[in-house]
Amino acid sequence: MGTVITLPKPNEDGSMSLERAIAARRSRRDFLPRPLTLEQIGQLVWVAQGQGAASKYRNAPSAGATYPLELFVVKSDGFFHYLPAEHSLEKLTEQDLRSALASAAWEQEFVAAAPLTLVFAAQFSRTTKRYGQRGIRYVYMEAGHAAQNVHLQAEALGLGSVAVGAFDDSSVSKVLSLPDYLEPIYMVVVGYCHS
């Protein structure tokens, strides 16, 4: 187990309305190299897979509360696994994997340029053991719910974001050294933008 970084308490009362965030949200790929703060990163992972202080439920809906998603953070100073119950990041490596991840994402260079990429990986069996084959679609739905939370939160924080589904699964798994039971299914790239 790597170093565990406790994240700042998430903000539950932001300054931008949900409606303004929805109206402003657009896919953005022109990222600046400016790093995000630990507070910003903590807020983004919390809306994606975090949970309320007095709740065992996560902030994104999950079929039968089976929670098949594992959330990983890729940034210049390493690769991290988000631990929802502790609201913390476990550092898995100090390597900057952004360029290798961009190559695995079919050479989408903005992945290498952005300060943060959130990678959603799924352990499908958590959901399919309860719902059978239909559970597969529930996992993808859940990733969409979580990613939309990230996009709206990024907007509210004055950041840009873009969804990335175009990547080679096995290459991403190799770059991130994911265990065999986890499959990468979605990425969201976040950062400050030029425009």
Protein backbone atom coordinates (compact mmCIF):
# COMPACT_ATOMS: atom_id res chain seq x y z
CA MET A 1 0.00 0.00 0.00
CA GLY A 2 1.33 3.42 -0.99
CA THR A 3 1.23 6.75 0.77
CA VAL A 4 -2.32 7.86 1.58
CA ILE A 5 -3.18 11.54 1.14
CA THR A 6 -6.22 12.74 3.08
CA LEU A 7 -8.21 15.15 0.93
CA PRO A 8 -9.75 18.40 2.21
CA LYS A 9 -13.38 18.22 3.27
CA PRO A 10 -15.58 18.68 0.18
CA ASN A 11 -17.66 21.80 -0.30
CA GLU A 12 -21.39 21.05 -0.31
CA ASP A 13 -22.51 24.60 -1.13
CA GLY A 14 -20.82 26.09 -4.20
CA SER A 15 -21.22 29.54 -5.74
CA MET A 16 -22.57 28.45 -9.16
CA SER A 17 -26.12 27.19 -9.58
CA LEU A 18 -26.67 23.77 -11.11
CA GLU A 19 -28.57 25.41 -13.96
CA ARG A 20 -25.65 27.72 -14.80
CA ALA A 21 -23.23 24.79 -14.74
CA ILE A 22 -25.45 22.79 -17.09
CA ALA A 23 -25.83 25.74 -19.50
CA ALA A 24 -22.07 26.45 -19.53
CA ARG A 25 -20.79 22.87 -19.82
CA ARG A 26 -18.95 22.17 -23.07
CA SER A 27 -16.19 19.74 -24.03
CA ARG A 28 -12.85 21.53 -23.82
CA ARG A 29 -9.46 20.21 -24.89
CA ASP A 30 -7.14 23.26 -24.80
CA PHE A 31 -5.62 22.69 -21.39
CA LEU A 32 -3.01 24.84 -19.68
CA PRO A 33 -0.20 23.16 -17.71
CA ARG A 34 -1.35 24.89 -14.50
CA PRO A 35 -1.80 22.25 -11.76
CA LEU A 36 -5.01 21.85 -9.81
CA THR A 37 -5.11 22.29 -6.05
CA LEU A 38 -5.73 19.40 -3.69
CA GLU A 39 -9.05 21.06 -2.83
CA GLN A 40 -10.12 21.03 -6.51
CA ILE A 41 -9.05 17.43 -7.00
CA GLY A 42 -10.78 16.40 -3.80
CA GLN A 43 -13.99 18.08 -4.92
CA LEU A 44 -13.88 16.38 -8.35
CA VAL A 45 -13.32 12.87 -7.00
CA TRP A 46 -15.91 13.42 -4.28
CA VAL A 47 -18.67 14.30 -6.77
CA ALA A 48 -17.68 11.29 -8.88
CA GLN A 49 -17.49 8.55 -6.24
CA GLY A 50 -17.45 10.14 -2.80
CA GLN A 51 -20.08 9.80 -0.17
CA GLY A 52 -21.77 12.04 2.34
CA ALA A 53 -20.37 12.22 5.86
CA ALA A 54 -23.39 10.46 7.36
CA SER A 55 -24.15 8.15 4.43
CA LYS A 56 -22.83 4.87 3.08
CA TYR A 57 -24.19 5.79 -0.35
CA ARG A 58 -22.02 7.41 -3.00
CA ASN A 59 -22.81 10.66 -4.80
CA ALA A 60 -23.50 8.94 -8.15
CA PRO A 61 -26.38 6.44 -8.49
CA SER A 62 -25.47 2.76 -8.57
CA ALA A 63 -27.76 -0.18 -9.40
CA GLY A 64 -28.51 -1.87 -6.10
CA ALA A 65 -25.67 0.10 -4.49
CA THR A 66 -23.25 -2.48 -5.96
CA TYR A 67 -20.61 0.20 -6.74
CA PRO A 68 -18.65 -1.49 -9.52
CA LEU A 69 -16.52 1.58 -10.25
CA GLU A 70 -13.00 2.26 -9.03
CA LEU A 71 -11.71 5.77 -9.62
CA PHE A 72 -8.08 6.54 -10.44
CA VAL A 73 -6.30 9.89 -10.71
CA VAL A 74 -3.49 10.56 -13.18
CA LYS A 75 -1.43 13.72 -12.75
CA SER A 76 2.14 14.92 -13.20
CA ASP A 77 3.33 13.76 -9.78
CA GLY A 78 1.89 10.27 -9.95
CA PHE A 79 -0.98 7.84 -10.22
CA PHE A 80 -3.51 7.49 -7.41
CA HIS A 81 -6.51 5.38 -6.36
CA TYR A 82 -9.45 7.20 -4.77
CA LEU A 83 -10.68 5.68 -1.50
CA PRO A 84 -14.29 6.91 -1.11
CA ALA A 85 -14.92 5.89 2.51
CA GLU A 86 -11.83 7.79 3.69
CA HIS A 87 -12.03 10.56 1.05
CA SER A 88 -8.36 10.08 0.36
CA LEU A 89 -5.94 9.21 -2.43
CA GLU A 90 -3.60 6.23 -2.28
CA LYS A 91 -0.44 6.93 -4.27
CA LEU A 92 0.34 3.93 -6.48
CA THR A 93 3.35 5.37 -8.32
CA GLU A 94 5.26 8.63 -8.58
CA GLN A 95 5.61 8.27 -12.36
CA ASP A 96 4.01 10.80 -14.69
CA LEU A 97 1.88 8.48 -16.84
CA ARG A 98 0.11 11.21 -18.82
CA SER A 99 2.07 10.81 -22.09
CA ALA A 100 1.74 7.03 -22.04
CA LEU A 101 -1.97 7.41 -21.29
CA ALA A 102 -2.36 9.83 -24.21
CA SER A 103 -0.75 7.23 -26.50
CA ALA A 104 -3.16 4.58 -25.21
CA ALA A 105 -6.00 7.05 -25.89
CA TRP A 106 -5.29 6.94 -29.60
CA GLU A 107 -2.74 9.77 -29.47
CA GLN A 108 -5.11 12.37 -28.02
CA GLU A 109 -2.35 14.75 -26.95
CA PHE A 110 -4.55 16.87 -24.68
CA VAL A 111 -4.50 13.91 -22.26
CA ALA A 112 -0.75 14.47 -21.87
CA ALA A 113 -1.12 18.25 -21.57
CA ALA A 114 -3.91 18.34 -18.99
CA PRO A 115 -3.05 18.43 -15.29
CA LEU A 116 -5.65 15.79 -14.35
CA THR A 117 -7.28 12.73 -15.83
CA LEU A 118 -9.83 10.71 -13.90
CA VAL A 119 -10.01 7.09 -15.02
CA PHE A 120 -13.10 5.05 -14.23
CA ALA A 121 -12.47 1.31 -14.15
CA ALA A 122 -15.14 -1.30 -13.50
CA GLN A 123 -15.32 -4.61 -11.74
CA PHE A 124 -18.38 -5.80 -13.64
CA SER A 125 -18.92 -8.84 -11.41
CA ARG A 126 -20.00 -6.64 -8.50
CA THR A 127 -23.13 -5.77 -10.48
CA THR A 128 -23.60 -8.79 -12.74
CA LYS A 129 -23.66 -11.24 -9.82
CA ARG A 130 -26.87 -9.50 -8.74
CA TYR A 131 -28.40 -8.53 -12.11
CA GLY A 132 -26.89 -11.00 -14.56
CA GLN A 133 -25.93 -9.81 -18.03
CA ARG A 134 -28.25 -6.82 -17.71
CA GLY A 135 -25.87 -5.54 -15.03
CA ILE A 136 -23.30 -4.75 -17.73
CA ARG A 137 -25.43 -1.88 -19.02
CA TYR A 138 -25.98 -0.66 -15.46
CA VAL A 139 -22.22 -0.31 -15.01
CA TYR A 140 -21.93 1.88 -18.10
CA MET A 141 -24.91 3.95 -16.96
CA GLU A 142 -23.22 4.47 -13.60
CA ALA A 143 -20.02 5.67 -15.25
CA GLY A 144 -22.10 8.21 -17.18
CA HIS A 145 -23.77 9.45 -14.00
CA ALA A 146 -20.43 9.86 -12.25
CA ALA A 147 -18.77 11.54 -15.23
CA GLN A 148 -21.59 14.06 -15.60
CA ASN A 149 -21.13 15.01 -11.96
CA VAL A 150 -17.45 15.66 -12.73
CA HIS A 151 -18.22 17.79 -15.80
CA LEU A 152 -20.70 19.96 -13.90
CA GLN A 153 -18.40 20.32 -10.90
CA ALA A 154 -15.49 21.25 -13.17
CA GLU A 155 -17.62 23.98 -14.71
CA ALA A 156 -18.59 25.28 -11.27
CA LEU A 157 -14.89 25.41 -10.33
CA GLY A 158 -14.00 27.43 -13.45
CA LEU A 159 -12.30 24.45 -15.10
CA GLY A 160 -12.73 22.78 -18.46
CA SER A 161 -13.34 19.08 -18.99
CA VAL A 162 -13.81 16.53 -21.74
CA ALA A 163 -15.02 12.93 -21.77
CA VAL A 164 -12.73 10.37 -23.36
CA GLY A 165 -14.08 7.04 -24.48
CA ALA A 166 -11.69 6.59 -27.40
CA PHE A 167 -8.84 4.46 -26.08
CA ASP A 168 -7.42 0.97 -26.31
CA ASP A 169 -8.60 -0.89 -23.22
CA SER A 170 -5.62 -3.24 -22.95
CA SER A 171 -3.14 -0.40 -23.49
CA VAL A 172 -4.74 1.72 -20.77
CA SER A 173 -4.76 -1.27 -18.42
CA LYS A 174 -1.08 -1.86 -19.13
CA VAL A 175 -0.08 1.80 -18.65
CA LEU A 176 -1.91 1.94 -15.32
CA SER A 177 -0.99 -1.62 -14.22
CA LEU A 178 -4.65 -2.34 -13.47
CA PRO A 179 -5.45 -5.76 -12.00
CA ASP A 180 -7.16 -8.25 -14.35
CA TYR A 181 -10.54 -7.89 -12.64
CA LEU A 182 -10.75 -4.15 -13.48
CA GLU A 183 -11.58 -2.86 -16.95
CA PRO A 184 -11.05 0.81 -17.87
CA ILE A 185 -14.31 2.14 -19.30
CA TYR A 186 -14.22 5.95 -19.23
CA MET A 187 -11.90 8.89 -18.67
CA VAL A 188 -12.58 12.52 -17.87
CA VAL A 189 -9.80 15.02 -18.49
CA VAL A 190 -9.89 18.25 -16.43
CA GLY A 191 -7.91 21.46 -16.19
CA TYR A 192 -7.68 25.18 -16.73
CA CYS A 193 -8.27 26.12 -20.36
CA HIS A 194 -7.07 28.84 -22.76
CA SER A 195 -10.55 30.01 -23.63
